[in-house]
Amino acid sequence: AIPGILSGVVLATGRIVGETAALIYTAGSVAKVPESL
């Protein structure tokens, strides 16, 4: 089932990379690399 599982992971990755609304409220919008998580 690995090919199908990886397809789901790819779709999930695309949603992570393209997400804005959820991250503006949680991760913020500071334009720098933070020192920690």
Full PDB file with SEQRES, HELIX, SHEET, SSBOND, CRYST1, ORIGX, SCALE, CONECT and MASTER records, all heavy atoms in Angstrom:
SEQRES   1 A   37  ALA ILE PRO GLY ILE LEU SER GLY VAL VAL LEU ALA THR          
SEQRES   2 A   37  GLY ARG ILE VAL GLY GLU THR ALA ALA LEU ILE TYR THR          
SEQRES   3 A   37  ALA GLY SER VAL ALA LYS VAL PRO GLU SER LEU                  
HELIX    1 AA1 ILE A    2  VAL A   17  1                                  16    
HELIX    2 AA2 ALA A   21  THR A   26  1                                   6    
CRYST1    1.000    1.000    1.000  90.00  90.00  90.00 P 1           1          
ORIGX1      1.000000  0.000000  0.000000        0.00000                         
ORIGX2      0.000000  1.000000  0.000000        0.00000                         
ORIGX3      0.000000  0.000000  1.000000        0.00000                         
SCALE1      1.000000  0.000000  0.000000        0.00000                         
SCALE2      0.000000  1.000000  0.000000        0.00000                         
SCALE3      0.000000  0.000000  1.000000        0.00000                         
ATOM      1  N   ALA A   1       0.809  -1.221   0.000  1.00  0.00           N  
ATOM      2  CA  ALA A   1       0.000   0.000   0.000  1.00  0.00           C  
ATOM      3  C   ALA A   1       0.842   1.270   0.000  1.00  0.00           C  
ATOM      4  O   ALA A   1       0.282   2.376   0.052  1.00  0.00           O  
ATOM      5  CB  ALA A   1      -0.916   0.007   1.223  1.00  0.00           C  
ATOM      6  N   ILE A   2       2.152   1.135  -0.050  1.00  0.00           N  
ATOM      7  CA  ILE A   2       3.034   2.306   0.059  1.00  0.00           C  
ATOM      8  C   ILE A   2       2.765   3.368  -1.009  1.00  0.00           C  
ATOM      9  O   ILE A   2       2.722   4.567  -0.696  1.00  0.00           O  
ATOM     10  CB  ILE A   2       4.509   1.859   0.055  1.00  0.00           C  
ATOM     11  CG1 ILE A   2       4.886   1.334   1.438  1.00  0.00           C  
ATOM     12  CG2 ILE A   2       5.433   3.000  -0.342  1.00  0.00           C  
ATOM     13  CD1 ILE A   2       6.294   0.815   1.537  1.00  0.00           C  
ATOM     14  N   PRO A   3       2.587   3.004  -2.304  1.00  0.00           N  
ATOM     15  CA  PRO A   3       2.318   4.071  -3.293  1.00  0.00           C  
ATOM     16  C   PRO A   3       1.098   4.912  -2.942  1.00  0.00           C  
ATOM     17  O   PRO A   3       1.120   6.138  -3.051  1.00  0.00           O  
ATOM     18  CB  PRO A   3       2.108   3.279  -4.593  1.00  0.00           C  
ATOM     19  CG  PRO A   3       2.879   2.021  -4.402  1.00  0.00           C  
ATOM     20  CD  PRO A   3       2.733   1.688  -2.948  1.00  0.00           C  
ATOM     21  N   GLY A   4       0.006   4.272  -2.499  1.00  0.00           N  
ATOM     22  CA  GLY A   4      -1.187   5.025  -2.119  1.00  0.00           C  
ATOM     23  C   GLY A   4      -0.965   5.873  -0.887  1.00  0.00           C  
ATOM     24  O   GLY A   4      -1.480   6.991  -0.791  1.00  0.00           O  
ATOM     25  N   ILE A   5      -0.200   5.347   0.066  1.00  0.00           N  
ATOM     26  CA  ILE A   5       0.090   6.109   1.281  1.00  0.00           C  
ATOM     27  C   ILE A   5       0.918   7.340   0.948  1.00  0.00           C  
ATOM     28  O   ILE A   5       0.651   8.445   1.456  1.00  0.00           O  
ATOM     29  CB  ILE A   5       0.819   5.223   2.305  1.00  0.00           C  
ATOM     30  CG1 ILE A   5      -0.100   4.086   2.770  1.00  0.00           C  
ATOM     31  CG2 ILE A   5       1.296   6.036   3.498  1.00  0.00           C  
ATOM     32  CD1 ILE A   5       0.583   3.056   3.638  1.00  0.00           C  
ATOM     33  N   LEU A   6       1.909   7.181   0.095  1.00  0.00           N  
ATOM     34  CA  LEU A   6       2.748   8.314  -0.278  1.00  0.00           C  
ATOM     35  C   LEU A   6       1.951   9.363  -1.060  1.00  0.00           C  
ATOM     36  O   LEU A   6       2.256  10.554  -0.981  1.00  0.00           O  
ATOM     37  CB  LEU A   6       3.946   7.838  -1.100  1.00  0.00           C  
ATOM     38  CG  LEU A   6       5.063   7.161  -0.302  1.00  0.00           C  
ATOM     39  CD1 LEU A   6       6.181   6.718  -1.228  1.00  0.00           C  
ATOM     40  CD2 LEU A   6       5.621   8.096   0.763  1.00  0.00           C  
ATOM     41  N   SER A   7       0.960   8.917  -1.812  1.00  0.00           N  
ATOM     42  CA  SER A   7       0.101   9.887  -2.505  1.00  0.00           C  
ATOM     43  C   SER A   7      -0.616  10.768  -1.493  1.00  0.00           C  
ATOM     44  O   SER A   7      -0.734  11.985  -1.687  1.00  0.00           O  
ATOM     45  CB  SER A   7      -0.915   9.151  -3.381  1.00  0.00           C  
ATOM     46  OG  SER A   7      -0.268   8.392  -4.385  1.00  0.00           O  
ATOM     47  N   GLY A   8      -1.100  10.161  -0.402  1.00  0.00           N  
ATOM     48  CA  GLY A   8      -1.725  10.941   0.652  1.00  0.00           C  
ATOM     49  C   GLY A   8      -0.755  11.894   1.321  1.00  0.00           C  
ATOM     50  O   GLY A   8      -1.113  13.035   1.654  1.00  0.00           O  
ATOM     51  N   VAL A   9       0.476  11.430   1.518  1.00  0.00           N  
ATOM     52  CA  VAL A   9       1.494  12.293   2.130  1.00  0.00           C  
ATOM     53  C   VAL A   9       1.805  13.474   1.218  1.00  0.00           C  
ATOM     54  O   VAL A   9       1.989  14.607   1.689  1.00  0.00           O  
ATOM     55  CB  VAL A   9       2.770  11.475   2.425  1.00  0.00           C  
ATOM     56  CG1 VAL A   9       3.891  12.389   2.910  1.00  0.00           C  
ATOM     57  CG2 VAL A   9       2.482  10.399   3.469  1.00  0.00           C  
ATOM     58  N   VAL A  10       1.842  13.235  -0.093  1.00  0.00           N  
ATOM     59  CA  VAL A  10       2.093  14.325  -1.040  1.00  0.00           C  
ATOM     60  C   VAL A  10       0.972  15.359  -0.977  1.00  0.00           C  
ATOM     61  O   VAL A  10       1.217  16.570  -0.969  1.00  0.00           O  
ATOM     62  CB  VAL A  10       2.239  13.766  -2.473  1.00  0.00           C  
ATOM     63  CG1 VAL A  10       2.247  14.894  -3.493  1.00  0.00           C  
ATOM     64  CG2 VAL A  10       3.514  12.957  -2.598  1.00  0.00           C  
ATOM     65  N   LEU A  11      -0.277  14.889  -0.943  1.00  0.00           N  
ATOM     66  CA  LEU A  11      -1.412  15.810  -0.831  1.00  0.00           C  
ATOM     67  C   LEU A  11      -1.352  16.607   0.471  1.00  0.00           C  
ATOM     68  O   LEU A  11      -1.622  17.815   0.497  1.00  0.00           O  
ATOM     69  CB  LEU A  11      -2.720  15.027  -0.911  1.00  0.00           C  
ATOM     70  CG  LEU A  11      -3.053  14.378  -2.253  1.00  0.00           C  
ATOM     71  CD1 LEU A  11      -4.308  13.524  -2.130  1.00  0.00           C  
ATOM     72  CD2 LEU A  11      -3.231  15.431  -3.339  1.00  0.00           C  
ATOM     73  N   ALA A  12      -0.987  15.922   1.553  1.00  0.00           N  
ATOM     74  CA  ALA A  12      -0.869  16.607   2.839  1.00  0.00           C  
ATOM     75  C   ALA A  12       0.252  17.645   2.806  1.00  0.00           C  
ATOM     76  O   ALA A  12       0.108  18.754   3.340  1.00  0.00           O  
ATOM     77  CB  ALA A  12      -0.614  15.593   3.950  1.00  0.00           C  
ATOM     78  N   THR A  13       1.353  17.294   2.165  1.00  0.00           N  
ATOM     79  CA  THR A  13       2.473  18.237   2.047  1.00  0.00           C  
ATOM     80  C   THR A  13       2.068  19.472   1.265  1.00  0.00           C  
ATOM     81  O   THR A  13       2.411  20.603   1.630  1.00  0.00           O  
ATOM     82  CB  THR A  13       3.671  17.552   1.381  1.00  0.00           C  
ATOM     83  OG1 THR A  13       4.034  16.380   2.118  1.00  0.00           O  
ATOM     84  CG2 THR A  13       4.865  18.496   1.310  1.00  0.00           C  
ATOM     85  N   GLY A  14       1.324  19.261   0.185  1.00  0.00           N  
ATOM     86  CA  GLY A  14       0.848  20.397  -0.595  1.00  0.00           C  
ATOM     87  C   GLY A  14      -0.049  21.319   0.206  1.00  0.00           C  
ATOM     88  O   GLY A  14       0.019  22.543   0.074  1.00  0.00           O  
ATOM     89  N   ARG A  15      -0.873  20.725   1.078  1.00  0.00           N  
ATOM     90  CA  ARG A  15      -1.739  21.564   1.912  1.00  0.00           C  
ATOM     91  C   ARG A  15      -0.925  22.324   2.946  1.00  0.00           C  
ATOM     92  O   ARG A  15      -1.221  23.476   3.257  1.00  0.00           O  
ATOM     93  CB  ARG A  15      -2.788  20.693   2.605  1.00  0.00           C  
ATOM     94  CG  ARG A  15      -3.833  21.510   3.346  1.00  0.00           C  
ATOM     95  CD  ARG A  15      -5.026  20.714   3.779  1.00  0.00           C  
ATOM     96  NE  ARG A  15      -6.049  21.592   4.340  1.00  0.00           N  
ATOM     97  CZ  ARG A  15      -7.193  21.172   4.845  1.00  0.00           C  
ATOM     98  NH1 ARG A  15      -7.474  19.888   4.854  1.00  0.00           N  
ATOM     99  NH2 ARG A  15      -8.064  22.037   5.329  1.00  0.00           N  
ATOM    100  N   ILE A  16       0.108  21.699   3.474  1.00  0.00           N  
ATOM    101  CA  ILE A  16       0.964  22.387   4.446  1.00  0.00           C  
ATOM    102  C   ILE A  16       1.674  23.569   3.795  1.00  0.00           C  
ATOM    103  O   ILE A  16       1.668  24.691   4.317  1.00  0.00           O  
ATOM    104  CB  ILE A  16       2.000  21.405   5.027  1.00  0.00           C  
ATOM    105  CG1 ILE A  16       1.316  20.361   5.904  1.00  0.00           C  
ATOM    106  CG2 ILE A  16       3.056  22.152   5.842  1.00  0.00           C  
ATOM    107  CD1 ILE A  16       2.242  19.250   6.343  1.00  0.00           C  
ATOM    108  N   VAL A  17       2.280  23.307   2.641  1.00  0.00           N  
ATOM    109  CA  VAL A  17       3.087  24.343   1.983  1.00  0.00           C  
ATOM    110  C   VAL A  17       2.227  25.521   1.550  1.00  0.00           C  
ATOM    111  O   VAL A  17       2.651  26.678   1.615  1.00  0.00           O  
ATOM    112  CB  VAL A  17       3.827  23.724   0.776  1.00  0.00           C  
ATOM    113  CG1 VAL A  17       4.536  24.804  -0.023  1.00  0.00           C  
ATOM    114  CG2 VAL A  17       4.832  22.681   1.247  1.00  0.00           C  
ATOM    115  N   GLY A  18       0.997  25.246   1.113  1.00  0.00           N  
ATOM    116  CA  GLY A  18       0.152  26.319   0.610  1.00  0.00           C  
ATOM    117  C   GLY A  18      -0.739  26.982   1.642  1.00  0.00           C  
ATOM    118  O   GLY A  18      -1.532  27.865   1.292  1.00  0.00           O  
ATOM    119  N   GLU A  19      -0.624  26.588   2.901  1.00  0.00           N  
ATOM    120  CA  GLU A  19      -1.505  27.115   3.936  1.00  0.00           C  
ATOM    121  C   GLU A  19      -1.080  28.512   4.390  1.00  0.00           C  
ATOM    122  O   GLU A  19       0.107  28.785   4.575  1.00  0.00           O  
ATOM    123  CB  GLU A  19      -1.531  26.171   5.136  1.00  0.00           C  
ATOM    124  CG  GLU A  19      -2.520  26.553   6.209  1.00  0.00           C  
ATOM    125  CD  GLU A  19      -3.921  26.713   5.660  1.00  0.00           C  
ATOM    126  OE1 GLU A  19      -4.394  25.817   4.924  1.00  0.00           O  
ATOM    127  OE2 GLU A  19      -4.534  27.751   5.942  1.00  0.00           O  
ATOM    128  N   THR A  20      -2.053  29.379   4.562  1.00  0.00           N  
ATOM    129  CA  THR A  20      -1.769  30.736   5.040  1.00  0.00           C  
ATOM    130  C   THR A  20      -2.638  31.101   6.250  1.00  0.00           C  
ATOM    131  O   THR A  20      -2.133  31.551   7.267  1.00  0.00           O  
ATOM    132  CB  THR A  20      -2.014  31.769   3.927  1.00  0.00           C  
ATOM    133  OG1 THR A  20      -3.350  31.604   3.413  1.00  0.00           O  
ATOM    134  CG2 THR A  20      -1.019  31.605   2.797  1.00  0.00           C  
ATOM    135  N   ALA A  21      -3.962  30.917   6.123  1.00  0.00           N  
ATOM    136  CA  ALA A  21      -4.890  31.393   7.157  1.00  0.00           C  
ATOM    137  C   ALA A  21      -4.572  30.801   8.520  1.00  0.00           C  
ATOM    138  O   ALA A  21      -4.495  31.523   9.526  1.00  0.00           O  
ATOM    139  CB  ALA A  21      -6.330  31.062   6.756  1.00  0.00           C  
ATOM    140  N   ALA A  22      -4.392  29.477   8.574  1.00  0.00           N  
ATOM    141  CA  ALA A  22      -4.145  28.826   9.865  1.00  0.00           C  
ATOM    142  C   ALA A  22      -2.818  29.265  10.464  1.00  0.00           C  
ATOM    143  O   ALA A  22      -2.697  29.420  11.688  1.00  0.00           O  
ATOM    144  CB  ALA A  22      -4.172  27.308   9.693  1.00  0.00           C  
ATOM    145  N   LEU A  23      -1.814  29.490   9.624  1.00  0.00           N  
ATOM    146  CA  LEU A  23      -0.484  29.836  10.136  1.00  0.00           C  
ATOM    147  C   LEU A  23      -0.382  31.295  10.559  1.00  0.00           C  
ATOM    148  O   LEU A  23       0.407  31.633  11.442  1.00  0.00           O  
ATOM    149  CB  LEU A  23       0.573  29.519   9.075  1.00  0.00           C  
ATOM    150  CG  LEU A  23       0.772  28.032   8.780  1.00  0.00           C  
ATOM    151  CD1 LEU A  23       1.785  27.834   7.658  1.00  0.00           C  
ATOM    152  CD2 LEU A  23       1.230  27.298  10.029  1.00  0.00           C  
ATOM    153  N   ILE A  24      -1.157  32.165   9.958  1.00  0.00           N  
ATOM    154  CA  ILE A  24      -1.142  33.565  10.385  1.00  0.00           C  
ATOM    155  C   ILE A  24      -1.611  33.678  11.828  1.00  0.00           C  
ATOM    156  O   ILE A  24      -1.098  34.477  12.618  1.00  0.00           O  
ATOM    157  CB  ILE A  24      -2.024  34.416   9.452  1.00  0.00           C  
ATOM    158  CG1 ILE A  24      -1.353  34.554   8.083  1.00  0.00           C  
ATOM    159  CG2 ILE A  24      -2.280  35.801  10.053  1.00  0.00           C  
ATOM    160  CD1 ILE A  24      -2.197  35.290   7.065  1.00  0.00           C  
ATOM    161  N   TYR A  25      -2.588  32.855  12.214  1.00  0.00           N  
ATOM    162  CA  TYR A  25      -3.130  32.886  13.573  1.00  0.00           C  
ATOM    163  C   TYR A  25      -2.268  32.136  14.582  1.00  0.00           C  
ATOM    164  O   TYR A  25      -2.416  32.332  15.790  1.00  0.00           O  
ATOM    165  CB  TYR A  25      -4.535  32.290  13.597  1.00  0.00           C  
ATOM    166  CG  TYR A  25      -5.593  33.188  13.017  1.00  0.00           C  
ATOM    167  CD1 TYR A  25      -6.131  32.925  11.775  1.00  0.00           C  
ATOM    168  CD2 TYR A  25      -6.044  34.300  13.717  1.00  0.00           C  
ATOM    169  CE1 TYR A  25      -7.109  33.748  11.239  1.00  0.00           C  
ATOM    170  CE2 TYR A  25      -7.021  35.130  13.186  1.00  0.00           C  
ATOM    171  CZ  TYR A  25      -7.541  34.847  11.943  1.00  0.00           C  
ATOM    172  OH  TYR A  25      -8.504  35.673  11.410  1.00  0.00           O  
ATOM    173  N   THR A  26      -1.402  31.262  14.134  1.00  0.00           N  
ATOM    174  CA  THR A  26      -0.660  30.407  15.062  1.00  0.00           C  
ATOM    175  C   THR A  26       0.850  30.600  14.999  1.00  0.00           C  
ATOM    176  O   THR A  26       1.501  30.743  16.032  1.00  0.00           O  
ATOM    177  CB  THR A  26      -0.992  28.928  14.798  1.00  0.00           C  
ATOM    178  OG1 THR A  26      -0.752  28.626  13.410  1.00  0.00           O  
ATOM    179  CG2 THR A  26      -2.444  28.627  15.123  1.00  0.00           C  
ATOM    180  N   ALA A  27       1.415  30.596  13.790  1.00  0.00           N  
ATOM    181  CA  ALA A  27       2.865  30.749  13.658  1.00  0.00           C  
ATOM    182  C   ALA A  27       3.287  32.200  13.540  1.00  0.00           C  
ATOM    183  O   ALA A  27       4.451  32.539  13.759  1.00  0.00           O  
ATOM    184  CB  ALA A  27       3.374  29.962  12.443  1.00  0.00           C  
ATOM    185  N   GLY A  28       2.345  33.070  13.176  1.00  0.00           N  
ATOM    186  CA  GLY A  28       2.673  34.478  13.039  1.00  0.00           C  
ATOM    187  C   GLY A  28       3.267  34.803  11.683  1.00  0.00           C  
ATOM    188  O   GLY A  28       3.276  33.973  10.765  1.00  0.00           O  
ATOM    189  N   SER A  29       3.785  35.996  11.539  1.00  0.00           N  
ATOM    190  CA  SER A  29       4.319  36.455  10.252  1.00  0.00           C  
ATOM    191  C   SER A  29       5.647  37.185  10.408  1.00  0.00           C  
ATOM    192  O   SER A  29       5.973  38.055   9.594  1.00  0.00           O  
ATOM    193  CB  SER A  29       3.297  37.375   9.571  1.00  0.00           C  
ATOM    194  OG  SER A  29       2.992  38.485  10.397  1.00  0.00           O  
ATOM    195  N   VAL A  30       6.410  36.827  11.425  1.00  0.00           N  
ATOM    196  CA  VAL A  30       7.723  37.452  11.617  1.00  0.00           C  
ATOM    197  C   VAL A  30       8.675  36.971  10.526  1.00  0.00           C  
ATOM    198  O   VAL A  30       8.802  35.765  10.295  1.00  0.00           O  
ATOM    199  CB  VAL A  30       8.292  37.114  13.005  1.00  0.00           C  
ATOM    200  CG1 VAL A  30       9.680  37.713  13.174  1.00  0.00           C  
ATOM    201  CG2 VAL A  30       7.357  37.625  14.085  1.00  0.00           C  
ATOM    202  N   ALA A  31       9.348  37.894   9.857  1.00  0.00           N  
ATOM    203  CA  ALA A  31      10.186  37.560   8.705  1.00  0.00           C  
ATOM    204  C   ALA A  31      11.616  37.241   9.139  1.00  0.00           C  
ATOM    205  O   ALA A  31      12.568  37.927   8.780  1.00  0.00           O  
ATOM    206  CB  ALA A  31      10.178  38.710   7.708  1.00  0.00           C  
ATOM    207  N   LYS A  32      11.754  36.194   9.941  1.00  0.00           N  
ATOM    208  CA  LYS A  32      13.084  35.731  10.319  1.00  0.00           C  
ATOM    209  C   LYS A  32      12.997  34.280  10.756  1.00  0.00           C  
ATOM    210  O   LYS A  32      11.910  33.747  10.993  1.00  0.00           O  
ATOM    211  CB  LYS A  32      13.653  36.578  11.454  1.00  0.00           C  
ATOM    212  CG  LYS A  32      12.932  36.404  12.778  1.00  0.00           C  
ATOM    213  CD  LYS A  32      13.632  37.178  13.897  1.00  0.00           C  
ATOM    214  CE  LYS A  32      12.958  36.916  15.242  1.00  0.00           C  
ATOM    215  NZ  LYS A  32      13.648  37.627  16.344  1.00  0.00           N  
ATOM    216  N   VAL A  33      14.154  33.645  10.854  1.00  0.00           N  
ATOM    217  CA  VAL A  33      14.211  32.269  11.334  1.00  0.00           C  
ATOM    218  C   VAL A  33      14.327  32.310  12.855  1.00  0.00           C  
ATOM    219  O   VAL A  33      15.300  32.847  13.388  1.00  0.00           O  
ATOM    220  CB  VAL A  33      15.399  31.511  10.726  1.00  0.00           C  
ATOM    221  CG1 VAL A  33      15.431  30.067  11.229  1.00  0.00           C  
ATOM    222  CG2 VAL A  33      15.330  31.529   9.207  1.00  0.00           C  
ATOM    223  N   PRO A  34      13.350  31.765  13.579  1.00  0.00           N  
ATOM    224  CA  PRO A  34      13.409  31.833  15.048  1.00  0.00           C  
ATOM    225  C   PRO A  34      14.525  30.964  15.603  1.00  0.00           C  
ATOM    226  O   PRO A  34      14.985  30.017  14.956  1.00  0.00           O  
ATOM    227  CB  PRO A  34      12.025  31.319  15.473  1.00  0.00           C  
ATOM    228  CG  PRO A  34      11.578  30.454  14.348  1.00  0.00           C  
ATOM    229  CD  PRO A  34      12.134  31.077  13.106  1.00  0.00           C  
ATOM    230  N   GLU A  35      14.947  31.288  16.806  1.00  0.00           N  
ATOM    231  CA  GLU A  35      16.020  30.533  17.439  1.00  0.00           C  
ATOM    232  C   GLU A  35      15.559  29.162  17.927  1.00  0.00           C  
ATOM    233  O   GLU A  35      16.378  28.276  18.148  1.00  0.00           O  
ATOM    234  CB  GLU A  35      16.589  31.333  18.612  1.00  0.00           C  
ATOM    235  CG  GLU A  35      17.228  32.651  18.191  1.00  0.00           C  
ATOM    236  CD  GLU A  35      17.779  33.429  19.378  1.00  0.00           C  
ATOM    237  OE1 GLU A  35      17.575  32.962  20.527  1.00  0.00           O  
ATOM    238  OE2 GLU A  35      18.392  34.491  19.154  1.00  0.00           O  
ATOM    239  N   SER A  36      14.266  28.993  18.135  1.00  0.00           N  
ATOM    240  CA  SER A  36      13.719  27.710  18.576  1.00  0.00           C  
ATOM    241  C   SER A  36      12.321  27.543  17.996  1.00  0.00           C  
ATOM    242  O   SER A  36      11.787  28.451  17.346  1.00  0.00           O  
ATOM    243  CB  SER A  36      13.666  27.632  20.108  1.00  0.00           C  
ATOM    244  OG  SER A  36      12.715  28.550  20.622  1.00  0.00           O  
ATOM    245  N   LEU A  37      11.729  26.383  18.258  1.00  0.00           N  
ATOM    246  CA  LEU A  37      10.381  26.117  17.771  1.00  0.00           C  
ATOM    247  C   LEU A  37       9.341  26.988  18.468  1.00  0.00           C  
ATOM    248  O   LEU A  37       8.201  27.083  17.996  1.00  0.00           O  
ATOM    249  CB  LEU A  37      10.026  24.634  17.973  1.00  0.00           C  
ATOM    250  CG  LEU A  37      10.820  23.634  17.150  1.00  0.00           C  
ATOM    251  CD1 LEU A  37      10.421  22.208  17.500  1.00  0.00           C  
ATOM    252  CD2 LEU A  37      10.632  23.891  15.655  1.00  0.00           C  
TER     253      LEU A  37                                                      
MASTER        0    0    0    2    0    0    0    6  252    1    0    3          
END                                                                             
